[in-house]
Amino acid sequence: MSAEVIPNNTVPKLGFNRVEAAKALGVSPATIDRLTLRGLLRPSRATRRPIYAVRELERFLRETTKVAQWAVVGNLGR
């Protein structure tokens, strides 16, 4: 039985290094570092270098968007 060979460009990427995560979010790698230190982003430490899962980046955006929406709604009443 032979294993199916999947071309590299068809395998979905599940995680990013800090530079790739920064690019995906449109911020600098230093911002990724600060968000991680503040506990707002939680990378996997399964390897020597942190890996930011796509689901973690999506969670971060979802949760921070909710906060931003509440801030906008709260300011409308003033």
Foldseek 3Di string as FASTA:
>chain_A
DDDDDDDPVVDDDFWDFLCVLCVVVVHHSVVVVVCVVVVLADFDPPDVGTIGTPVRSVVSVVVVVVVVVVVVVVVVVD
